[in-house]
């Protein structure tokens, strides 16, 4: 069993479908530093709402650094994500640069 501590998925065009799978996976992840810059995660409510649903029942105690710059979060989609981060109980650094909201 390999426990990844740092994962860089920046600039991979993950988008809505990938965002949903990623959000579900975060609830059981032991990753401490996750870079998801520039993946179009904020263009739809999928990422925020799925992440909130996944983490409300199973908070993540490992993720400390989350990079979400350049994902196109709007006022509507950043609000959904803001509710979800309550489930990232170990989070120390959140990077949201270069988003319209």
PDB file of N, CA and C in Angstrom:
ATOM      1  N   UNK A   1       0.847  -1.179   0.000  1.00  0.00           N
ATOM      2  CA  UNK A   1       0.000   0.000   0.000  1.00  0.00           C
ATOM      3  C   UNK A   1       0.889   1.238   0.000  1.00  0.00           C
ATOM      4  N   UNK A   2       0.781   2.052  -1.036  1.00  0.00           N
ATOM      5  CA  UNK A   2       1.573   3.270  -1.145  1.00  0.00           C
ATOM      6  C   UNK A   2       0.729   4.446  -0.689  1.00  0.00           C
ATOM      7  N   UNK A   3       1.274   5.238   0.216  1.00  0.00           N
ATOM      8  CA  UNK A   3       0.588   6.423   0.688  1.00  0.00           C
ATOM      9  C   UNK A   3       1.230   7.654   0.084  1.00  0.00           C
ATOM     10  N   UNK A   4       0.596   8.232  -0.925  1.00  0.00           N
ATOM     11  CA  UNK A   4       1.091   9.449  -1.533  1.00  0.00           C
ATOM     12  C   UNK A   4       0.884  10.610  -0.580  1.00  0.00           C
ATOM     13  N   UNK A   5       1.888  11.470  -0.479  1.00  0.00           N
ATOM     14  CA  UNK A   5       1.804  12.623   0.409  1.00  0.00           C
ATOM     15  C   UNK A   5       1.581  13.899  -0.398  1.00  0.00           C
ATOM     16  N   UNK A   6       2.168  13.976  -1.587  1.00  0.00           N
ATOM     17  CA  UNK A   6       2.067  15.163  -2.438  1.00  0.00           C
ATOM     18  C   UNK A   6       1.685  14.733  -3.849  1.00  0.00           C
ATOM     19  N   UNK A   7       0.631  15.378  -4.393  1.00  0.00           N
ATOM     20  CA  UNK A   7       0.170  15.058  -5.739  1.00  0.00           C
ATOM     21  C   UNK A   7      -0.034  16.356  -6.515  1.00  0.00           C
ATOM     22  N   UNK A   8       0.547  16.419  -7.709  1.00  0.00           N
ATOM     23  CA  UNK A   8       0.401  17.571  -8.579  1.00  0.00           C
ATOM     24  C   UNK A   8      -0.366  17.144  -9.835  1.00  0.00           C
ATOM     25  N   UNK A   9      -1.598  17.618  -9.939  1.00  0.00           N
ATOM     26  CA  UNK A   9      -2.434  17.347 -11.103  1.00  0.00           C
ATOM     27  C   UNK A   9      -2.765  18.639 -11.846  1.00  0.00           C
ATOM     28  N   UNK A  10      -1.955  19.652 -11.668  1.00  0.00           N
ATOM     29  CA  UNK A  10      -2.185  20.944 -12.311  1.00  0.00           C
ATOM     30  C   UNK A  10      -2.166  20.809 -13.829  1.00  0.00           C
ATOM     31  N   UNK A  11      -2.982  21.621 -14.486  1.00  0.00           N
ATOM     32  CA  UNK A  11      -3.029  21.708 -15.946  1.00  0.00           C
ATOM     33  C   UNK A  11      -3.378  20.381 -16.617  1.00  0.00           C
ATOM     34  N   UNK A  12      -4.336  19.651 -16.077  1.00  0.00           N
ATOM     35  CA  UNK A  12      -4.742  18.390 -16.681  1.00  0.00           C
ATOM     36  C   UNK A  12      -6.143  18.418 -17.269  1.00  0.00           C
ATOM     37  N   UNK A  13      -6.826  19.548 -17.217  1.00  0.00           N
ATOM     38  CA  UNK A  13      -8.160  19.646 -17.805  1.00  0.00           C
ATOM     39  C   UNK A  13      -9.160  18.693 -17.183  1.00  0.00           C
ATOM     40  N   UNK A  14      -9.114  18.533 -15.888  1.00  0.00           N
ATOM     41  CA  UNK A  14      -9.965  17.560 -15.186  1.00  0.00           C
ATOM     42  C   UNK A  14     -11.448  17.841 -15.409  1.00  0.00           C
ATOM     43  N   UNK A  15     -11.878  19.069 -15.270  1.00  0.00           N
ATOM     44  CA  UNK A  15     -13.266  19.442 -15.545  1.00  0.00           C
ATOM     45  C   UNK A  15     -14.289  18.804 -14.627  1.00  0.00           C
ATOM     46  N   UNK A  16     -15.566  18.866 -15.023  1.00  0.00           N
ATOM     47  CA  UNK A  16     -16.686  18.453 -14.181  1.00  0.00           C
ATOM     48  C   UNK A  16     -16.728  16.995 -13.776  1.00  0.00           C
ATOM     49  N   UNK A  17     -16.629  16.075 -14.717  1.00  0.00           N
ATOM     50  CA  UNK A  17     -16.696  14.652 -14.401  1.00  0.00           C
ATOM     51  C   UNK A  17     -15.525  14.222 -13.539  1.00  0.00           C
ATOM     52  N   UNK A  18     -14.339  14.650 -13.892  1.00  0.00           N
ATOM     53  CA  UNK A  18     -13.154  14.339 -13.102  1.00  0.00           C
ATOM     54  C   UNK A  18     -13.216  14.968 -11.729  1.00  0.00           C
ATOM     55  N   UNK A  19     -13.804  16.158 -11.653  1.00  0.00           N
ATOM     56  CA  UNK A  19     -13.937  16.859 -10.375  1.00  0.00           C
ATOM     57  C   UNK A  19     -14.805  16.070  -9.405  1.00  0.00           C
ATOM     58  N   UNK A  20     -15.848  15.472  -9.924  1.00  0.00           N
ATOM     59  CA  UNK A  20     -16.742  14.676  -9.085  1.00  0.00           C
ATOM     60  C   UNK A  20     -16.014  13.458  -8.519  1.00  0.00           C
ATOM     61  N   UNK A  21     -15.277  12.754  -9.354  1.00  0.00           N
ATOM     62  CA  UNK A  21     -14.515  11.584  -8.901  1.00  0.00           C
ATOM     63  C   UNK A  21     -13.440  11.993  -7.899  1.00  0.00           C
ATOM     64  N   UNK A  22     -12.782  13.098  -8.173  1.00  0.00           N
ATOM     65  CA  UNK A  22     -11.727  13.594  -7.293  1.00  0.00           C
ATOM     66  C   UNK A  22     -12.283  13.982  -5.925  1.00  0.00           C
ATOM     67  N   UNK A  23     -13.414  14.666  -5.925  1.00  0.00           N
ATOM     68  CA  UNK A  23     -14.037  15.078  -4.668  1.00  0.00           C
ATOM     69  C   UNK A  23     -14.406  13.880  -3.808  1.00  0.00           C
ATOM     70  N   UNK A  24     -14.930  12.837  -4.428  1.00  0.00           N
ATOM     71  CA  UNK A  24     -15.277  11.616  -3.693  1.00  0.00           C
ATOM     72  C   UNK A  24     -14.029  10.932  -3.138  1.00  0.00           C
ATOM     73  N   UNK A  25     -12.961  10.937  -3.905  1.00  0.00           N
ATOM     74  CA  UNK A  25     -11.718  10.288  -3.473  1.00  0.00           C
ATOM     75  C   UNK A  25     -11.060  11.016  -2.308  1.00  0.00           C
ATOM     76  N   UNK A  26     -11.255  12.306  -2.192  1.00  0.00           N
ATOM     77  CA  UNK A  26     -10.603  13.077  -1.132  1.00  0.00           C
ATOM     78  C   UNK A  26     -11.038  12.662   0.274  1.00  0.00           C
ATOM     79  N   UNK A  27     -12.228  12.128   0.401  1.00  0.00           N
ATOM     80  CA  UNK A  27     -12.691  11.760   1.743  1.00  0.00           C
ATOM     81  C   UNK A  27     -11.838  10.653   2.363  1.00  0.00           C
ATOM     82  N   UNK A  28     -11.255   9.769   1.545  1.00  0.00           N
ATOM     83  CA  UNK A  28     -10.449   8.671   2.058  1.00  0.00           C
ATOM     84  C   UNK A  28      -8.954   8.851   1.821  1.00  0.00           C
ATOM     85  N   UNK A  29      -8.576  10.000   1.310  1.00  0.00           N
ATOM     86  CA  UNK A  29      -7.198  10.234   0.907  1.00  0.00           C
ATOM     87  C   UNK A  29      -6.294  10.589   2.092  1.00  0.00           C
ATOM     88  N   UNK A  30      -5.019  10.182   1.988  1.00  0.00           N
ATOM     89  CA  UNK A  30      -4.012  10.575   2.971  1.00  0.00           C
ATOM     90  C   UNK A  30      -3.048  11.600   2.386  1.00  0.00           C
ATOM     91  N   UNK A  31      -3.397  12.141   1.233  1.00  0.00           N
ATOM     92  CA  UNK A  31      -2.581  13.183   0.602  1.00  0.00           C
ATOM     93  C   UNK A  31      -2.562  14.411   1.499  1.00  0.00           C
ATOM     94  N   UNK A  32      -1.366  14.998   1.633  1.00  0.00           N
ATOM     95  CA  UNK A  32      -1.208  16.188   2.462  1.00  0.00           C
ATOM     96  C   UNK A  32      -1.103  17.471   1.651  1.00  0.00           C
ATOM     97  N   UNK A  33      -0.634  17.379   0.414  1.00  0.00           N
ATOM     98  CA  UNK A  33      -0.446  18.554  -0.444  1.00  0.00           C
ATOM     99  C   UNK A  33      -0.985  18.209  -1.825  1.00  0.00           C
ATOM    100  N   UNK A  34      -2.059  18.888  -2.243  1.00  0.00           N
ATOM    101  CA  UNK A  34      -2.725  18.582  -3.504  1.00  0.00           C
ATOM    102  C   UNK A  34      -2.779  19.830  -4.380  1.00  0.00           C
ATOM    103  N   UNK A  35      -2.190  19.744  -5.556  1.00  0.00           N
ATOM    104  CA  UNK A  35      -2.151  20.852  -6.501  1.00  0.00           C
ATOM    105  C   UNK A  35      -3.100  20.566  -7.654  1.00  0.00           C
ATOM    106  N   UNK A  36      -4.201  21.315  -7.700  1.00  0.00           N
ATOM    107  CA  UNK A  36      -5.218  21.150  -8.732  1.00  0.00           C
ATOM    108  C   UNK A  36      -5.387  22.426  -9.564  1.00  0.00           C
ATOM    109  N   UNK A  37      -4.349  23.230  -9.658  1.00  0.00           N
ATOM    110  CA  UNK A  37      -4.440  24.493 -10.401  1.00  0.00           C
ATOM    111  C   UNK A  37      -4.854  24.260 -11.850  1.00  0.00           C
ATOM    112  N   UNK A  38      -5.626  25.225 -12.353  1.00  0.00           N
ATOM    113  CA  UNK A  38      -5.963  25.292 -13.779  1.00  0.00           C
ATOM    114  C   UNK A  38      -6.583  24.017 -14.339  1.00  0.00           C
ATOM    115  N   UNK A  39      -7.620  23.530 -13.690  1.00  0.00           N
ATOM    116  CA  UNK A  39      -8.319  22.325 -14.133  1.00  0.00           C
ATOM    117  C   UNK A  39      -9.807  22.539 -14.381  1.00  0.00           C
ATOM    118  N   UNK A  40     -10.275  23.773 -14.419  1.00  0.00           N
ATOM    119  CA  UNK A  40     -11.679  24.085 -14.709  1.00  0.00           C
ATOM    120  C   UNK A  40     -12.633  23.465 -13.690  1.00  0.00           C
ATOM    121  N   UNK A  41     -12.220  23.384 -12.435  1.00  0.00           N
ATOM    122  CA  UNK A  41     -13.053  22.774 -11.394  1.00  0.00           C
ATOM    123  C   UNK A  41     -14.152  23.704 -10.899  1.00  0.00           C
ATOM    124  N   UNK A  42     -13.981  25.004 -11.067  1.00  0.00           N
ATOM    125  CA  UNK A  42     -14.957  25.950 -10.536  1.00  0.00           C
ATOM    126  C   UNK A  42     -16.005  26.395 -11.529  1.00  0.00           C
ATOM    127  N   UNK A  43     -15.959  25.915 -12.739  1.00  0.00           N
ATOM    128  CA  UNK A  43     -16.905  26.340 -13.760  1.00  0.00           C
ATOM    129  C   UNK A  43     -18.310  25.795 -13.571  1.00  0.00           C
ATOM    130  N   UNK A  44     -18.437  24.707 -12.840  1.00  0.00           N
ATOM    131  CA  UNK A  44     -19.739  24.113 -12.544  1.00  0.00           C
ATOM    132  C   UNK A  44     -19.804  23.838 -11.047  1.00  0.00           C
ATOM    133  N   UNK A  45     -20.995  23.666 -10.501  1.00  0.00           N
ATOM    134  CA  UNK A  45     -21.115  23.399  -9.060  1.00  0.00           C
ATOM    135  C   UNK A  45     -20.724  21.981  -8.657  1.00  0.00           C
ATOM    136  N   UNK A  46     -20.363  21.141  -9.598  1.00  0.00           N
ATOM    137  CA  UNK A  46     -20.091  19.721  -9.339  1.00  0.00           C
ATOM    138  C   UNK A  46     -19.044  19.511  -8.260  1.00  0.00           C
ATOM    139  N   UNK A  47     -17.888  20.161  -8.379  1.00  0.00           N
ATOM    140  CA  UNK A  47     -16.789  19.928  -7.447  1.00  0.00           C
ATOM    141  C   UNK A  47     -17.183  20.306  -6.024  1.00  0.00           C
ATOM    142  N   UNK A  48     -17.697  21.502  -5.835  1.00  0.00           N
ATOM    143  CA  UNK A  48     -18.056  21.962  -4.496  1.00  0.00           C
ATOM    144  C   UNK A  48     -19.152  21.148  -3.846  1.00  0.00           C
ATOM    145  N   UNK A  49     -20.201  20.853  -4.593  1.00  0.00           N
ATOM    146  CA  UNK A  49     -21.320  20.115  -4.012  1.00  0.00           C
ATOM    147  C   UNK A  49     -20.959  18.663  -3.727  1.00  0.00           C
ATOM    148  N   UNK A  50     -20.209  18.022  -4.607  1.00  0.00           N
ATOM    149  CA  UNK A  50     -19.790  16.635  -4.384  1.00  0.00           C
ATOM    150  C   UNK A  50     -18.811  16.553  -3.226  1.00  0.00           C
ATOM    151  N   UNK A  51     -17.898  17.520  -3.161  1.00  0.00           N
ATOM    152  CA  UNK A  51     -16.931  17.545  -2.065  1.00  0.00           C
ATOM    153  C   UNK A  51     -17.634  17.738  -0.727  1.00  0.00           C
ATOM    154  N   UNK A  52     -18.609  18.632  -0.696  1.00  0.00           N
ATOM    155  CA  UNK A  52     -19.354  18.848   0.543  1.00  0.00           C
ATOM    156  C   UNK A  52     -20.084  17.581   0.972  1.00  0.00           C
ATOM    157  N   UNK A  53     -20.736  16.915   0.041  1.00  0.00           N
ATOM    158  CA  UNK A  53     -21.465  15.683   0.357  1.00  0.00           C
ATOM    159  C   UNK A  53     -20.522  14.598   0.868  1.00  0.00           C
ATOM    160  N   UNK A  54     -19.368  14.461   0.234  1.00  0.00           N
ATOM    161  CA  UNK A  54     -18.417  13.421   0.630  1.00  0.00           C
ATOM    162  C   UNK A  54     -17.802  13.706   2.000  1.00  0.00           C
ATOM    163  N   UNK A  55     -17.452  14.966   2.238  1.00  0.00           N
ATOM    164  CA  UNK A  55     -16.739  15.300   3.474  1.00  0.00           C
ATOM    165  C   UNK A  55     -17.656  15.530   4.673  1.00  0.00           C
ATOM    166  N   UNK A  56     -18.926  15.759   4.439  1.00  0.00           N
ATOM    167  CA  UNK A  56     -19.822  15.992   5.572  1.00  0.00           C
ATOM    168  C   UNK A  56     -19.942  14.733   6.432  1.00  0.00           C
ATOM    169  N   UNK A  57     -19.909  13.575   5.809  1.00  0.00           N
ATOM    170  CA  UNK A  57     -19.990  12.312   6.548  1.00  0.00           C
ATOM    171  C   UNK A  57     -18.616  11.777   6.943  1.00  0.00           C
ATOM    172  N   UNK A  58     -17.585  12.092   6.151  1.00  0.00           N
ATOM    173  CA  UNK A  58     -16.240  11.570   6.388  1.00  0.00           C
ATOM    174  C   UNK A  58     -15.205  12.693   6.236  1.00  0.00           C
ATOM    175  N   UNK A  59     -14.976  13.499   7.277  1.00  0.00           N
ATOM    176  CA  UNK A  59     -13.996  14.578   7.161  1.00  0.00           C
ATOM    177  C   UNK A  59     -12.600  14.050   6.828  1.00  0.00           C
ATOM    178  N   UNK A  60     -11.836  14.851   6.110  1.00  0.00           N
ATOM    179  CA  UNK A  60     -10.465  14.497   5.743  1.00  0.00           C
ATOM    180  C   UNK A  60      -9.519  15.095   6.774  1.00  0.00           C
ATOM    181  N   UNK A  61      -8.736  14.250   7.433  1.00  0.00           N
ATOM    182  CA  UNK A  61      -7.820  14.673   8.494  1.00  0.00           C
ATOM    183  C   UNK A  61      -6.378  14.816   8.035  1.00  0.00           C
ATOM    184  N   UNK A  62      -6.117  14.725   6.745  1.00  0.00           N
ATOM    185  CA  UNK A  62      -4.741  14.702   6.253  1.00  0.00           C
ATOM    186  C   UNK A  62      -4.355  15.890   5.382  1.00  0.00           C
ATOM    187  N   UNK A  63      -5.261  16.354   4.528  1.00  0.00           N
ATOM    188  CA  UNK A  63      -4.919  17.401   3.566  1.00  0.00           C
ATOM    189  C   UNK A  63      -4.593  18.719   4.273  1.00  0.00           C
ATOM    190  N   UNK A  64      -3.356  19.196   4.079  1.00  0.00           N
ATOM    191  CA  UNK A  64      -2.906  20.431   4.712  1.00  0.00           C
ATOM    192  C   UNK A  64      -2.779  21.589   3.732  1.00  0.00           C
ATOM    193  N   UNK A  65      -2.448  21.292   2.473  1.00  0.00           N
ATOM    194  CA  UNK A  65      -2.236  22.324   1.457  1.00  0.00           C
ATOM    195  C   UNK A  65      -3.057  21.976   0.223  1.00  0.00           C
ATOM    196  N   UNK A  66      -3.877  22.932  -0.222  1.00  0.00           N
ATOM    197  CA  UNK A  66      -4.714  22.731  -1.401  1.00  0.00           C
ATOM    198  C   UNK A  66      -4.567  23.926  -2.337  1.00  0.00           C
ATOM    199  N   UNK A  67      -4.127  23.659  -3.557  1.00  0.00           N
ATOM    200  CA  UNK A  67      -3.936  24.689  -4.578  1.00  0.00           C
ATOM    201  C   UNK A  67      -5.088  24.595  -5.580  1.00  0.00           C
ATOM    202  N   UNK A  68      -5.905  25.636  -5.657  1.00  0.00           N
ATOM    203  CA  UNK A  68      -7.033  25.652  -6.590  1.00  0.00           C
ATOM    204  C   UNK A  68      -7.020  26.901  -7.465  1.00  0.00           C
ATOM    205  N   UNK A  69      -5.871  27.509  -7.646  1.00  0.00           N
ATOM    206  CA  UNK A  69      -5.771  28.713  -8.471  1.00  0.00           C
ATOM    207  C   UNK A  69      -6.157  28.442  -9.914  1.00  0.00           C
ATOM    208  N   UNK A  70      -6.736  29.456 -10.564  1.00  0.00           N
ATOM    209  CA  UNK A  70      -7.031  29.377 -11.984  1.00  0.00           C
ATOM    210  C   UNK A  70      -8.068  28.342 -12.380  1.00  0.00           C
ATOM    211  N   UNK A  71      -9.040  28.076 -11.515  1.00  0.00           N
ATOM    212  CA  UNK A  71     -10.057  27.077 -11.817  1.00  0.00           C
ATOM    213  C   UNK A  71     -11.406  27.668 -12.207  1.00  0.00           C
ATOM    214  N   UNK A  72     -11.474  28.972 -12.359  1.00  0.00           N
ATOM    215  CA  UNK A  72     -12.713  29.599 -12.814  1.00  0.00           C
ATOM    216  C   UNK A  72     -13.839  29.609 -11.807  1.00  0.00           C
ATOM    217  N   UNK A  73     -13.513  29.606 -10.509  1.00  0.00           N
ATOM    218  CA  UNK A  73     -14.567  29.688  -9.499  1.00  0.00           C
ATOM    219  C   UNK A  73     -15.296  31.023  -9.626  1.00  0.00           C
ATOM    220  N   UNK A  74     -16.614  30.973  -9.603  1.00  0.00           N
ATOM    221  CA  UNK A  74     -17.453  32.171  -9.644  1.00  0.00           C
ATOM    222  C   UNK A  74     -18.025  32.401  -8.243  1.00  0.00           C
ATOM    223  N   UNK A  75     -18.783  33.465  -8.080  1.00  0.00           N
ATOM    224  CA  UNK A  75     -19.399  33.704  -6.772  1.00  0.00           C
ATOM    225  C   UNK A  75     -20.304  32.543  -6.374  1.00  0.00           C
ATOM    226  N   UNK A  76     -21.007  31.979  -7.326  1.00  0.00           N
ATOM    227  CA  UNK A  76     -21.911  30.860  -7.031  1.00  0.00           C
ATOM    228  C   UNK A  76     -21.148  29.592  -6.674  1.00  0.00           C
ATOM    229  N   UNK A  77     -20.133  29.248  -7.452  1.00  0.00           N
ATOM    230  CA  UNK A  77     -19.436  27.980  -7.215  1.00  0.00           C
ATOM    231  C   UNK A  77     -18.468  28.055  -6.034  1.00  0.00           C
ATOM    232  N   UNK A  78     -17.919  29.218  -5.751  1.00  0.00           N
ATOM    233  CA  UNK A  78     -17.008  29.321  -4.602  1.00  0.00           C
ATOM    234  C   UNK A  78     -17.792  29.187  -3.294  1.00  0.00           C
ATOM    235  N   UNK A  79     -19.053  29.590  -3.308  1.00  0.00           N
ATOM    236  CA  UNK A  79     -19.896  29.427  -2.119  1.00  0.00           C
ATOM    237  C   UNK A  79     -20.108  27.962  -1.770  1.00  0.00           C
ATOM    238  N   UNK A  80     -20.322  27.136  -2.781  1.00  0.00           N
ATOM    239  CA  UNK A  80     -20.475  25.691  -2.550  1.00  0.00           C
ATOM    240  C   UNK A  80     -19.178  25.092  -2.021  1.00  0.00           C
ATOM    241  N   UNK A  81     -18.064  25.528  -2.585  1.00  0.00           N
ATOM    242  CA  UNK A  81     -16.774  25.023  -2.129  1.00  0.00           C
ATOM    243  C   UNK A  81     -16.495  25.469  -0.694  1.00  0.00           C
ATOM    244  N   UNK A  82     -16.876  26.704  -0.366  1.00  0.00           N
ATOM    245  CA  UNK A  82     -16.643  27.220   0.993  1.00  0.00           C
ATOM    246  C   UNK A  82     -17.339  26.348   2.040  1.00  0.00           C
ATOM    247  N   UNK A  83     -18.520  25.853   1.732  1.00  0.00           N
ATOM    248  CA  UNK A  83     -19.215  24.948   2.657  1.00  0.00           C
ATOM    249  C   UNK A  83     -18.450  23.630   2.798  1.00  0.00           C
ATOM    250  N   UNK A  84     -17.865  23.175   1.713  1.00  0.00           N
ATOM    251  CA  UNK A  84     -17.176  21.885   1.704  1.00  0.00           C
ATOM    252  C   UNK A  84     -15.889  21.896   2.520  1.00  0.00           C
ATOM    253  N   UNK A  85     -15.171  23.018   2.552  1.00  0.00           N
ATOM    254  CA  UNK A  85     -13.861  23.003   3.219  1.00  0.00           C
ATOM    255  C   UNK A  85     -13.960  22.811   4.732  1.00  0.00           C
ATOM    256  N   UNK A  86     -15.143  22.907   5.289  1.00  0.00           N
ATOM    257  CA  UNK A  86     -15.303  22.578   6.715  1.00  0.00           C
ATOM    258  C   UNK A  86     -14.892  21.129   6.986  1.00  0.00           C
ATOM    259  N   UNK A  87     -15.016  20.283   5.987  1.00  0.00           N
ATOM    260  CA  UNK A  87     -14.652  18.871   6.117  1.00  0.00           C
ATOM    261  C   UNK A  87     -13.169  18.601   5.924  1.00  0.00           C
ATOM    262  N   UNK A  88     -12.408  19.635   5.570  1.00  0.00           N
ATOM    263  CA  UNK A  88     -10.944  19.498   5.443  1.00  0.00           C
ATOM    264  C   UNK A  88     -10.333  20.024   6.744  1.00  0.00           C
ATOM    265  N   UNK A  89     -10.433  19.240   7.780  1.00  0.00           N
ATOM    266  CA  UNK A  89     -10.137  19.717   9.130  1.00  0.00           C
ATOM    267  C   UNK A  89      -8.665  20.016   9.388  1.00  0.00           C
ATOM    268  N   UNK A  90      -7.749  19.474   8.607  1.00  0.00           N
ATOM    269  CA  UNK A  90      -6.312  19.726   8.802  1.00  0.00           C
ATOM    270  C   UNK A  90      -5.785  20.829   7.886  1.00  0.00           C
ATOM    271  N   UNK A  91      -6.640  21.382   7.022  1.00  0.00           N
ATOM    272  CA  UNK A  91      -6.201  22.356   6.021  1.00  0.00           C
ATOM    273  C   UNK A  91      -5.547  23.578   6.670  1.00  0.00           C
ATOM    274  N   UNK A  92      -4.335  23.889   6.215  1.00  0.00           N
ATOM    275  CA  UNK A  92      -3.586  25.039   6.713  1.00  0.00           C
ATOM    276  C   UNK A  92      -3.383  26.101   5.642  1.00  0.00           C
ATOM    277  N   UNK A  93      -3.270  25.675   4.380  1.00  0.00           N
ATOM    278  CA  UNK A  93      -3.022  26.607   3.278  1.00  0.00           C
ATOM    279  C   UNK A  93      -3.985  26.318   2.144  1.00  0.00           C
ATOM    280  N   UNK A  94      -4.698  27.358   1.713  1.00  0.00           N
ATOM    281  CA  UNK A  94      -5.617  27.266   0.590  1.00  0.00           C
ATOM    282  C   UNK A  94      -5.270  28.360  -0.408  1.00  0.00           C
ATOM    283  N   UNK A  95      -4.918  27.982  -1.630  1.00  0.00           N
ATOM    284  CA  UNK A  95      -4.549  28.929  -2.664  1.00  0.00           C
ATOM    285  C   UNK A  95      -5.654  29.008  -3.689  1.00  0.00           C
ATOM    286  N   UNK A  96      -6.283  30.181  -3.795  1.00  0.00           N
ATOM    287  CA  UNK A  96      -7.381  30.389  -4.739  1.00  0.00           C
ATOM    288  C   UNK A  96      -7.078  31.535  -5.713  1.00  0.00           C
ATOM    289  N   UNK A  97      -5.813  31.790  -5.974  1.00  0.00           N
ATOM    290  CA  UNK A  97      -5.465  32.904  -6.851  1.00  0.00           C
ATOM    291  C   UNK A  97      -5.978  32.687  -8.272  1.00  0.00           C
ATOM    292  N   UNK A  98      -6.136  33.782  -8.997  1.00  0.00           N
ATOM    293  CA  UNK A  98      -6.559  33.767 -10.404  1.00  0.00           C
ATOM    294  C   UNK A  98      -7.902  33.099 -10.649  1.00  0.00           C
ATOM    295  N   UNK A  99      -8.854  33.327  -9.763  1.00  0.00           N
ATOM    296  CA  UNK A  99     -10.240  32.922  -9.961  1.00  0.00           C
ATOM    297  C   UNK A  99     -11.085  34.198 -10.015  1.00  0.00           C
ATOM    298  N   UNK A 100     -12.128  34.240 -10.851  1.00  0.00           N
ATOM    299  CA  UNK A 100     -12.920  35.460 -10.992  1.00  0.00           C
ATOM    300  C   UNK A 100     -13.635  35.897  -9.710  1.00  0.00           C
ATOM    301  N   UNK A 101     -13.993  34.963  -8.843  1.00  0.00           N
ATOM    302  CA  UNK A 101     -14.749  35.315  -7.636  1.00  0.00           C
ATOM    303  C   UNK A 101     -13.863  35.910  -6.570  1.00  0.00           C
TER     304      UNK A 101
END
